[in-house]
Amino acid sequence: MERLQKVIASRGLTSRRKAEELIKNGLVYVNGQKVTELGTKVNLDADIIVDGKHLESKPKEYYLLNKPRGVICSLKDEKNRKIITDLIATEARIYPVGRLDYDTTGLIILTNDGNLTNKLTHPSYEVEKTYIAKLNKIFTVDDLYKLKEGIKVDGRMVRPKRLKIKATDKQKNTSIVEITIIEGRNHIVKNIFKTLGYEVTKLSRISYDFLTLGHLKSGEYRKLSEQEVKKLLKKSS
């Protein structure tokens, strides 16, 4: 079940906000019944008619992209910067599952499957995400153990699932750290290290749950296999 306005938007007719207006104006029918109450939940395969137009359920598409630096994880941008959906050749109205910052690179999933998106981004799913972070100074062993024990970031405890120092350059006074977390808050990796007094100068996500980038170069993408989609749905059920 999903909110009606989200289902309408996912089928590519209009935005969620415009869909809400259509519902309030009595122009939406679900399985033959008029629906005017916002927040009404319907089955994802429900028969929906909007202003006399029957909305076909769109075929589901799933992509894994190696996001380049300087791309926005949004469906539009007021500054006319490149958006993430520009990188994938499809007519489907896909959107990213979660976000990566403008200057962050790496693995991100895009789909038009609202059901899967909701499950993967819900806190109870606790999807593991692994990042490689380059820091502006040497990451000390003391801070390594402090972070492993857990620290407060914006008032909430964060404890990485895994953490290790990949490399240290004493001449350049930098470190490269691999960190696996289940947190989904915006800028969370940068804020973790900021709390300990470090600046993340480069950040890349290298895995999302069981998915990895493989041989995908920056800007390249591939479709998820049927088996991969089933595995994601099974783990999030």
Protein backbone atom coordinates (compact mmCIF):
# COMPACT_ATOMS: atom_id res chain seq x y z
CA MET A 1 0.00 0.00 0.00
CA GLU A 2 1.15 3.55 -0.76
CA ARG A 3 -0.30 7.04 -0.60
CA LEU A 4 -2.41 7.76 -3.67
CA GLN A 5 -0.60 10.94 -4.67
CA LYS A 6 2.73 9.09 -4.68
CA VAL A 7 1.31 6.31 -6.87
CA ILE A 8 -0.06 8.87 -9.34
CA ALA A 9 3.32 10.62 -9.48
CA SER A 10 5.16 7.31 -9.92
CA ARG A 11 3.07 6.56 -13.00
CA GLY A 12 4.43 9.68 -14.65
CA LEU A 13 1.31 11.82 -14.99
CA THR A 14 2.33 14.75 -12.84
CA SER A 15 4.13 15.80 -9.66
CA ARG A 16 3.01 14.64 -6.22
CA ARG A 17 1.87 18.17 -5.31
CA LYS A 18 -0.25 18.49 -8.46
CA ALA A 19 -1.67 15.03 -7.78
CA GLU A 20 -2.82 16.23 -4.36
CA GLU A 21 -4.71 19.10 -6.00
CA LEU A 22 -6.39 16.68 -8.43
CA ILE A 23 -7.47 14.46 -5.53
CA LYS A 24 -8.91 17.37 -3.53
CA ASN A 25 -10.79 18.56 -6.63
CA GLY A 26 -12.55 15.19 -6.96
CA LEU A 27 -10.89 14.21 -10.24
CA VAL A 28 -9.37 10.90 -9.08
CA TYR A 29 -11.06 7.50 -9.10
CA VAL A 30 -9.52 4.34 -7.66
CA ASN A 31 -11.06 1.01 -8.63
CA GLY A 32 -14.18 2.89 -9.70
CA GLN A 33 -14.55 4.91 -6.48
CA LYS A 34 -13.94 8.66 -6.20
CA VAL A 35 -11.18 9.51 -3.69
CA THR A 36 -10.92 13.03 -2.26
CA GLU A 37 -9.08 12.44 1.00
CA LEU A 38 -5.33 13.12 0.96
CA GLY A 39 -3.23 10.35 2.46
CA THR A 40 -5.52 7.59 1.23
CA LYS A 41 -3.45 4.46 0.67
CA VAL A 42 -3.94 2.22 -2.33
CA ASN A 43 -2.38 -0.91 -3.80
CA LEU A 44 0.49 -0.17 -6.15
CA ASP A 45 -1.34 -1.96 -8.98
CA ALA A 46 -4.68 -0.23 -8.31
CA ASP A 47 -6.83 0.87 -11.25
CA ILE A 48 -6.57 4.69 -11.26
CA ILE A 49 -8.37 7.24 -13.42
CA VAL A 50 -7.40 10.92 -13.21
CA ASP A 51 -9.57 13.54 -14.90
CA GLY A 52 -10.93 10.86 -17.23
CA LYS A 53 -7.49 9.46 -18.11
CA HIS A 54 -6.64 5.88 -17.20
CA LEU A 55 -3.15 5.63 -15.68
CA GLU A 56 -1.28 2.55 -16.76
CA SER A 57 1.07 0.99 -14.24
CA LYS A 58 4.55 1.64 -15.60
CA PRO A 59 7.03 -1.24 -16.05
CA LYS A 60 9.56 -1.18 -13.22
CA GLU A 61 13.15 -0.24 -14.04
CA TYR A 62 16.19 -0.55 -11.77
CA TYR A 63 19.63 0.92 -12.37
CA LEU A 64 22.96 0.96 -10.54
CA LEU A 65 25.01 4.07 -11.35
CA ASN A 66 28.56 5.14 -10.52
CA LYS A 67 27.76 8.79 -9.82
CA PRO A 68 30.39 11.32 -10.91
CA ARG A 69 31.38 14.39 -8.92
CA GLY A 70 29.35 17.51 -9.71
CA VAL A 71 25.97 15.87 -10.34
CA ILE A 72 22.82 16.63 -8.34
CA CYS A 73 20.75 13.78 -6.87
CA SER A 74 17.49 15.50 -7.73
CA LEU A 75 14.88 15.57 -10.49
CA LYS A 76 15.49 19.26 -11.17
CA ASP A 77 17.92 22.00 -10.19
CA GLU A 78 17.31 25.75 -10.06
CA LYS A 79 20.96 26.42 -10.96
CA ASN A 80 20.69 24.29 -14.12
CA ARG A 81 23.40 21.89 -12.97
CA LYS A 82 23.46 18.37 -14.33
CA ILE A 83 20.99 16.10 -12.54
CA ILE A 84 21.47 12.41 -11.94
CA THR A 85 18.68 11.24 -14.24
CA ASP A 86 20.41 12.96 -17.17
CA LEU A 87 23.00 10.18 -17.06
CA ILE A 88 20.58 7.31 -17.77
CA ALA A 89 18.94 6.70 -21.14
CA THR A 90 15.33 5.87 -20.30
CA GLU A 91 11.87 7.33 -20.85
CA ALA A 92 10.77 6.13 -17.40
CA ARG A 93 10.31 8.68 -14.61
CA ILE A 94 13.05 7.27 -12.39
CA TYR A 95 14.48 8.80 -9.23
CA PRO A 96 17.41 8.07 -6.92
CA VAL A 97 17.10 5.87 -3.84
CA GLY A 98 18.47 8.24 -1.21
CA ARG A 99 21.07 10.86 -2.09
CA LEU A 100 24.75 11.47 -2.57
CA ASP A 101 26.12 14.99 -2.15
CA TYR A 102 27.04 17.12 -5.17
CA ASP A 103 30.75 16.42 -4.65
CA THR A 104 30.35 12.78 -3.53
CA THR A 105 30.88 9.97 -6.03
CA GLY A 106 29.98 6.32 -6.19
CA LEU A 107 27.17 3.80 -6.05
CA ILE A 108 23.55 4.87 -6.18
CA ILE A 109 20.37 3.06 -7.22
CA LEU A 110 17.73 4.69 -9.44
CA THR A 111 14.27 3.26 -10.05
CA ASN A 112 10.60 4.01 -10.61
CA ASP A 113 9.60 1.40 -8.03
CA GLY A 114 8.22 3.40 -5.11
CA ASN A 115 7.65 0.27 -3.05
CA LEU A 116 11.32 -0.74 -3.15
CA THR A 117 12.47 2.84 -2.58
CA ASN A 118 10.35 3.19 0.54
CA LYS A 119 11.63 -0.09 1.96
CA LEU A 120 15.30 0.64 1.30
CA THR A 121 15.13 4.14 2.79
CA HIS A 122 13.09 3.20 5.85
CA PRO A 123 15.25 3.25 9.02
CA SER A 124 14.14 -0.25 10.04
CA TYR A 125 15.83 -1.75 6.96
CA GLU A 126 19.27 -0.63 8.19
CA VAL A 127 20.96 -0.95 4.82
CA GLU A 128 24.75 -1.06 5.07
CA LYS A 129 26.58 1.53 3.00
CA THR A 130 30.37 1.57 2.66
CA TYR A 131 32.35 4.71 1.85
CA ILE A 132 35.96 5.63 1.19
CA ALA A 133 36.77 9.00 2.77
CA LYS A 134 39.92 11.06 2.27
CA LEU A 135 40.65 13.22 5.33
CA ASN A 136 42.57 16.48 5.53
CA LYS A 137 44.91 15.17 8.24
CA ILE A 138 46.18 11.97 9.81
CA PHE A 139 43.37 9.91 11.34
CA THR A 140 44.66 8.88 14.75
CA VAL A 141 44.30 5.47 16.34
CA ASP A 142 42.66 7.14 19.33
CA ASP A 143 39.95 8.59 17.11
CA LEU A 144 39.58 5.25 15.36
CA TYR A 145 38.72 3.52 18.62
CA LYS A 146 36.59 6.44 19.76
CA LEU A 147 34.50 6.18 16.62
CA LYS A 148 34.26 2.40 16.89
CA GLU A 149 32.78 2.84 20.37
CA GLY A 150 30.26 5.32 19.01
CA ILE A 151 29.99 9.10 19.00
CA LYS A 152 27.14 11.60 19.07
CA VAL A 153 26.45 13.43 15.82
CA ASP A 154 23.79 16.14 16.05
CA GLY A 155 22.55 14.64 19.29
CA ARG A 156 22.24 11.03 18.09
CA MET A 157 24.67 8.16 18.59
CA VAL A 158 26.48 6.79 15.55
CA ARG A 159 28.44 3.55 15.67
CA PRO A 160 29.94 2.30 12.38
CA LYS A 161 29.45 -1.32 11.44
CA ARG A 162 33.04 -1.48 10.19
CA LEU A 163 35.93 0.97 10.18
CA LYS A 164 39.54 0.78 9.06
CA ILE A 165 42.37 3.03 7.98
CA LYS A 166 43.26 2.19 4.37
CA ALA A 167 46.25 4.50 3.94
CA THR A 168 48.19 7.29 5.62
CA ASP A 169 50.39 9.86 3.90
CA LYS A 170 52.57 11.54 6.50
CA GLN A 171 54.16 13.87 3.94
CA LYS A 172 50.79 15.21 2.75
CA ASN A 173 49.25 14.82 6.22
CA THR A 174 46.22 12.91 4.91
CA SER A 175 44.43 9.63 5.61
CA ILE A 176 42.08 7.40 3.66
CA VAL A 177 39.47 5.65 5.79
CA GLU A 178 36.89 3.01 4.88
CA ILE A 179 33.67 3.26 6.88
CA THR A 180 30.47 1.19 6.79
CA ILE A 181 27.34 2.68 8.35
CA ILE A 182 23.59 2.13 8.41
CA GLU A 183 22.78 5.80 8.99
CA GLY A 184 20.82 7.60 6.30
CA ARG A 185 20.98 11.22 7.41
CA ASN A 186 22.16 13.91 5.00
CA HIS A 187 25.94 14.54 5.03
CA ILE A 188 26.29 11.92 7.76
CA VAL A 189 29.79 10.68 6.81
CA LYS A 190 31.16 14.21 6.56
CA ASN A 191 29.51 15.12 9.87
CA ILE A 192 30.92 12.03 11.60
CA PHE A 193 34.48 13.07 10.82
CA LYS A 194 33.71 16.76 11.37
CA THR A 195 32.65 15.90 14.92
CA LEU A 196 36.12 14.44 15.48
CA GLY A 197 37.85 17.48 13.95
CA TYR A 198 38.47 16.24 10.39
CA GLU A 199 37.39 17.52 7.00
CA VAL A 200 36.40 15.01 4.31
CA THR A 201 38.07 16.25 1.11
CA LYS A 202 36.92 13.35 -1.06
CA LEU A 203 34.12 10.86 -0.53
CA SER A 204 32.93 7.87 -2.55
CA ARG A 205 30.37 5.17 -1.82
CA ILE A 206 31.68 1.79 -2.92
CA SER A 207 28.87 -0.53 -1.82
CA TYR A 208 25.19 -0.53 -0.95
CA ASP A 209 24.08 -3.63 0.92
CA PHE A 210 25.34 -6.53 -1.24
CA LEU A 211 25.74 -4.36 -4.35
CA THR A 212 29.15 -3.07 -5.46
CA LEU A 213 30.39 -0.92 -8.35
CA GLY A 214 32.26 -3.77 -10.00
CA HIS A 215 33.91 -2.51 -13.19
CA LEU A 216 31.63 0.50 -13.67
CA LYS A 217 33.60 3.66 -14.42
CA SER A 218 32.48 7.12 -13.31
CA GLY A 219 29.23 8.01 -15.08
CA GLU A 220 28.56 4.44 -16.22
CA TYR A 221 25.52 2.43 -15.17
CA ARG A 222 23.88 -0.95 -15.59
CA LYS A 223 20.46 -2.46 -15.01
CA LEU A 224 19.99 -4.50 -11.87
CA SER A 225 19.31 -8.15 -12.58
CA GLU A 226 16.01 -9.77 -11.68
CA GLN A 227 17.83 -11.78 -9.02
CA GLU A 228 19.36 -8.63 -7.49
CA VAL A 229 15.95 -6.92 -7.33
CA LYS A 230 14.37 -9.98 -5.71
CA LYS A 231 17.19 -10.10 -3.17
CA LEU A 232 16.69 -6.43 -2.27
CA LEU A 233 12.93 -6.93 -1.92
CA LYS A 234 13.41 -10.07 0.16
CA LYS A 235 15.89 -8.41 2.54
CA SER A 236 13.59 -5.41 3.00
CA SER A 237 10.39 -7.38 3.53
